[in-house]
Amino acid sequence: MKRNVLILVAACSALFGCSAQNPEGVLRLDESTAKGSCRAGETVEVALASNAATGYMWRVVKDGSPAFKFGGEQYEPSNPQLCGSGGKTVFVFVAENAGEAALSFKYARPWEKDGDSKTIAFKVSVKK
């Protein structure tokens, strides 16, 4: 039985492209991975846990320029059917120039000037 389950998992991974590996040309960073490296022309995705229902939002403080060009952001709810559920905000950057880059983000409510906030920073080395 256990062998059949392993064969089924392997077949699904092969058919649907499920893998723990990052796709080629994409560096993925999150709260547990604070640094990495990529090549010019590749993409960096920064995924940060968030909950849009609380009013807190991540915003880019340092965009890594001139090594990176900001490519946008998207909120991905963990359970879209459940109102108020958490998720993650994914920021996308395209590596354009070789060098060392700093990416940093702040999690806060935009209307609160002195409210609680959290910051996180990443270091990325871009190679030619």
C-alpha atoms as a PDB file:
ATOM      1  CA  MET A   1       0.000   0.000   0.000  1.00  0.00           C
ATOM      2  CA  LYS A   2       2.747   2.458   0.992  1.00  0.00           C
ATOM      3  CA  ARG A   3       4.612   1.692  -2.260  1.00  0.00           C
ATOM      4  CA  ASN A   4       1.466   2.449  -4.329  1.00  0.00           C
ATOM      5  CA  VAL A   5       1.068   5.820  -2.616  1.00  0.00           C
ATOM      6  CA  LEU A   6       4.704   6.723  -3.385  1.00  0.00           C
ATOM      7  CA  ILE A   7       4.232   5.724  -7.035  1.00  0.00           C
ATOM      8  CA  LEU A   8       1.054   7.830  -7.217  1.00  0.00           C
ATOM      9  CA  VAL A   9       2.813  10.875  -5.694  1.00  0.00           C
ATOM     10  CA  ALA A  10       5.712  10.506  -8.138  1.00  0.00           C
ATOM     11  CA  ALA A  11       3.315  10.187 -11.090  1.00  0.00           C
ATOM     12  CA  CYS A  12       1.339  13.291 -10.038  1.00  0.00           C
ATOM     13  CA  SER A  13       4.549  15.259  -9.622  1.00  0.00           C
ATOM     14  CA  ALA A  14       5.706  14.253 -13.086  1.00  0.00           C
ATOM     15  CA  LEU A  15       2.341  14.941 -14.719  1.00  0.00           C
ATOM     16  CA  PHE A  16       1.474  18.222 -13.040  1.00  0.00           C
ATOM     17  CA  GLY A  17       4.918  19.636 -12.394  1.00  0.00           C
ATOM     18  CA  CYS A  18       4.540  19.539  -8.623  1.00  0.00           C
ATOM     19  CA  SER A  19       7.934  19.934  -7.050  1.00  0.00           C
ATOM     20  CA  ALA A  20       9.605  21.346  -3.982  1.00  0.00           C
ATOM     21  CA  GLN A  21      12.200  22.882  -6.313  1.00  0.00           C
ATOM     22  CA  ASN A  22      11.880  26.466  -7.536  1.00  0.00           C
ATOM     23  CA  PRO A  23      11.237  26.837 -11.252  1.00  0.00           C
ATOM     24  CA  GLU A  24      14.354  27.594 -13.248  1.00  0.00           C
ATOM     25  CA  GLY A  25      15.130  31.298 -13.285  1.00  0.00           C
ATOM     26  CA  VAL A  26      13.093  32.093 -10.140  1.00  0.00           C
ATOM     27  CA  LEU A  27      14.562  32.740  -6.693  1.00  0.00           C
ATOM     28  CA  ARG A  28      11.949  32.498  -3.939  1.00  0.00           C
ATOM     29  CA  LEU A  29      12.510  34.227  -0.607  1.00  0.00           C
ATOM     30  CA  ASP A  30      10.333  34.330   2.509  1.00  0.00           C
ATOM     31  CA  GLU A  31      10.557  34.933   6.252  1.00  0.00           C
ATOM     32  CA  SER A  32      12.816  31.891   6.670  1.00  0.00           C
ATOM     33  CA  THR A  33      15.148  32.632   3.715  1.00  0.00           C
ATOM     34  CA  ALA A  34      16.736  36.071   4.058  1.00  0.00           C
ATOM     35  CA  LYS A  35      19.333  35.931   1.292  1.00  0.00           C
ATOM     36  CA  GLY A  36      20.056  34.379  -2.059  1.00  0.00           C
ATOM     37  CA  SER A  37      21.580  34.875  -5.468  1.00  0.00           C
ATOM     38  CA  CYS A  38      20.357  34.987  -9.036  1.00  0.00           C
ATOM     39  CA  ARG A  39      21.476  36.038 -12.500  1.00  0.00           C
ATOM     40  CA  ALA A  40      20.540  39.121 -14.497  1.00  0.00           C
ATOM     41  CA  GLY A  41      17.285  38.442 -16.322  1.00  0.00           C
ATOM     42  CA  GLU A  42      15.943  36.123 -13.637  1.00  0.00           C
ATOM     43  CA  THR A  43      13.044  36.765 -11.271  1.00  0.00           C
ATOM     44  CA  VAL A  44      12.975  37.078  -7.485  1.00  0.00           C
ATOM     45  CA  GLU A  45       9.718  36.425  -5.654  1.00  0.00           C
ATOM     46  CA  VAL A  46       9.387  37.496  -2.015  1.00  0.00           C
ATOM     47  CA  ALA A  47       6.424  35.838  -0.247  1.00  0.00           C
ATOM     48  CA  LEU A  48       5.406  37.366   3.096  1.00  0.00           C
ATOM     49  CA  ALA A  49       2.655  36.097   5.400  1.00  0.00           C
ATOM     50  CA  SER A  50      -0.143  38.630   5.684  1.00  0.00           C
ATOM     51  CA  ASN A  51      -3.846  39.078   6.321  1.00  0.00           C
ATOM     52  CA  ALA A  52      -5.542  41.766   4.261  1.00  0.00           C
ATOM     53  CA  ALA A  53      -8.647  41.622   6.488  1.00  0.00           C
ATOM     54  CA  THR A  54      -6.727  43.162   9.424  1.00  0.00           C
ATOM     55  CA  GLY A  55      -5.840  46.340   7.540  1.00  0.00           C
ATOM     56  CA  TYR A  56      -2.136  45.556   7.720  1.00  0.00           C
ATOM     57  CA  MET A  57      -0.301  45.644   4.412  1.00  0.00           C
ATOM     58  CA  TRP A  58       3.256  45.000   3.290  1.00  0.00           C
ATOM     59  CA  ARG A  59       4.898  47.820   1.370  1.00  0.00           C
ATOM     60  CA  VAL A  60       8.268  48.006  -0.317  1.00  0.00           C
ATOM     61  CA  VAL A  61      10.769  50.195   1.564  1.00  0.00           C
ATOM     62  CA  LYS A  62      13.888  49.315  -0.505  1.00  0.00           C
ATOM     63  CA  ASP A  63      13.343  47.974  -4.019  1.00  0.00           C
ATOM     64  CA  GLY A  64      16.889  46.778  -4.733  1.00  0.00           C
ATOM     65  CA  SER A  65      17.536  49.313  -7.480  1.00  0.00           C
ATOM     66  CA  PRO A  66      19.581  49.560  -9.625  1.00  0.00           C
ATOM     67  CA  ALA A  67      20.047  45.768  -9.563  1.00  0.00           C
ATOM     68  CA  PHE A  68      16.278  45.119  -9.632  1.00  0.00           C
ATOM     69  CA  LYS A  69      13.175  46.449 -11.307  1.00  0.00           C
ATOM     70  CA  PHE A  70       9.935  46.089  -9.339  1.00  0.00           C
ATOM     71  CA  GLY A  71       7.477  43.873 -11.217  1.00  0.00           C
ATOM     72  CA  GLY A  72       4.390  44.072  -9.017  1.00  0.00           C
ATOM     73  CA  GLU A  73       2.668  42.364  -6.102  1.00  0.00           C
ATOM     74  CA  GLN A  74      -0.230  40.013  -5.544  1.00  0.00           C
ATOM     75  CA  TYR A  75      -2.167  38.876  -2.472  1.00  0.00           C
ATOM     76  CA  GLU A  76      -2.803  35.133  -2.317  1.00  0.00           C
ATOM     77  CA  PRO A  77      -5.375  34.111   0.323  1.00  0.00           C
ATOM     78  CA  SER A  78      -4.711  30.744   1.963  1.00  0.00           C
ATOM     79  CA  ASN A  79      -8.421  29.890   2.041  1.00  0.00           C
ATOM     80  CA  PRO A  80     -10.434  32.144  -0.320  1.00  0.00           C
ATOM     81  CA  GLN A  81     -13.753  30.612   0.773  1.00  0.00           C
ATOM     82  CA  LEU A  82     -13.192  31.659   4.395  1.00  0.00           C
ATOM     83  CA  CYS A  83     -13.762  35.382   4.946  1.00  0.00           C
ATOM     84  CA  GLY A  84     -10.891  36.953   6.893  1.00  0.00           C
ATOM     85  CA  SER A  85      -8.452  34.100   6.396  1.00  0.00           C
ATOM     86  CA  GLY A  86      -4.770  34.917   6.125  1.00  0.00           C
ATOM     87  CA  GLY A  87      -2.536  34.434   3.152  1.00  0.00           C
ATOM     88  CA  LYS A  88       0.609  35.875   1.678  1.00  0.00           C
ATOM     89  CA  THR A  89       1.652  38.863  -0.352  1.00  0.00           C
ATOM     90  CA  VAL A  90       4.052  37.990  -3.153  1.00  0.00           C
ATOM     91  CA  PHE A  91       6.340  40.717  -4.508  1.00  0.00           C
ATOM     92  CA  VAL A  92       8.062  40.183  -7.860  1.00  0.00           C
ATOM     93  CA  PHE A  93      11.371  41.756  -8.894  1.00  0.00           C
ATOM     94  CA  VAL A  94      13.339  41.302 -12.118  1.00  0.00           C
ATOM     95  CA  ALA A  95      17.126  41.269 -11.855  1.00  0.00           C
ATOM     96  CA  GLU A  96      18.548  43.730 -14.375  1.00  0.00           C
ATOM     97  CA  ASN A  97      22.103  44.578 -13.287  1.00  0.00           C
ATOM     98  CA  ALA A  98      24.881  42.700 -11.513  1.00  0.00           C
ATOM     99  CA  GLY A  99      25.605  43.691  -7.924  1.00  0.00           C
ATOM    100  CA  GLU A 100      24.490  43.385  -4.334  1.00  0.00           C
ATOM    101  CA  ALA A 101      20.918  44.443  -3.622  1.00  0.00           C
ATOM    102  CA  ALA A 102      18.861  45.093  -0.503  1.00  0.00           C
ATOM    103  CA  LEU A 103      15.125  44.477  -0.485  1.00  0.00           C
ATOM    104  CA  SER A 104      13.144  45.539   2.566  1.00  0.00           C
ATOM    105  CA  PHE A 105       9.478  45.650   3.472  1.00  0.00           C
ATOM    106  CA  LYS A 106       7.289  47.136   6.197  1.00  0.00           C
ATOM    107  CA  TYR A 107       4.053  45.584   7.501  1.00  0.00           C
ATOM    108  CA  ALA A 108       1.731  48.231   8.919  1.00  0.00           C
ATOM    109  CA  ARG A 109      -1.670  49.869   8.646  1.00  0.00           C
ATOM    110  CA  PRO A 110      -1.230  52.732   6.172  1.00  0.00           C
ATOM    111  CA  TRP A 111      -3.428  55.170   8.128  1.00  0.00           C
ATOM    112  CA  GLU A 112      -1.600  54.699  11.456  1.00  0.00           C
ATOM    113  CA  LYS A 113       1.468  56.928  11.693  1.00  0.00           C
ATOM    114  CA  ASP A 114       2.680  55.574  15.048  1.00  0.00           C
ATOM    115  CA  GLY A 115       1.008  52.164  15.051  1.00  0.00           C
ATOM    116  CA  ASP A 116       2.616  48.761  15.369  1.00  0.00           C
ATOM    117  CA  SER A 117       4.697  47.680  12.434  1.00  0.00           C
ATOM    118  CA  LYS A 118       7.136  44.993  11.439  1.00  0.00           C
ATOM    119  CA  THR A 119      10.025  45.159   8.989  1.00  0.00           C
ATOM    120  CA  ILE A 120      11.962  42.472   7.156  1.00  0.00           C
ATOM    121  CA  ALA A 121      15.039  42.723   4.919  1.00  0.00           C
ATOM    122  CA  PHE A 122      16.648  40.519   2.283  1.00  0.00           C
ATOM    123  CA  LYS A 123      20.074  40.533   0.594  1.00  0.00           C
ATOM    124  CA  VAL A 124      20.377  39.300  -2.970  1.00  0.00           C
ATOM    125  CA  SER A 125      23.484  38.969  -5.080  1.00  0.00           C
ATOM    126  CA  VAL A 126      22.862  39.418  -8.811  1.00  0.00           C
ATOM    127  CA  LYS A 127      25.435  37.869 -11.136  1.00  0.00           C
ATOM    128  CA  LYS A 128      25.892  38.523 -14.854  1.00  0.00           C
END
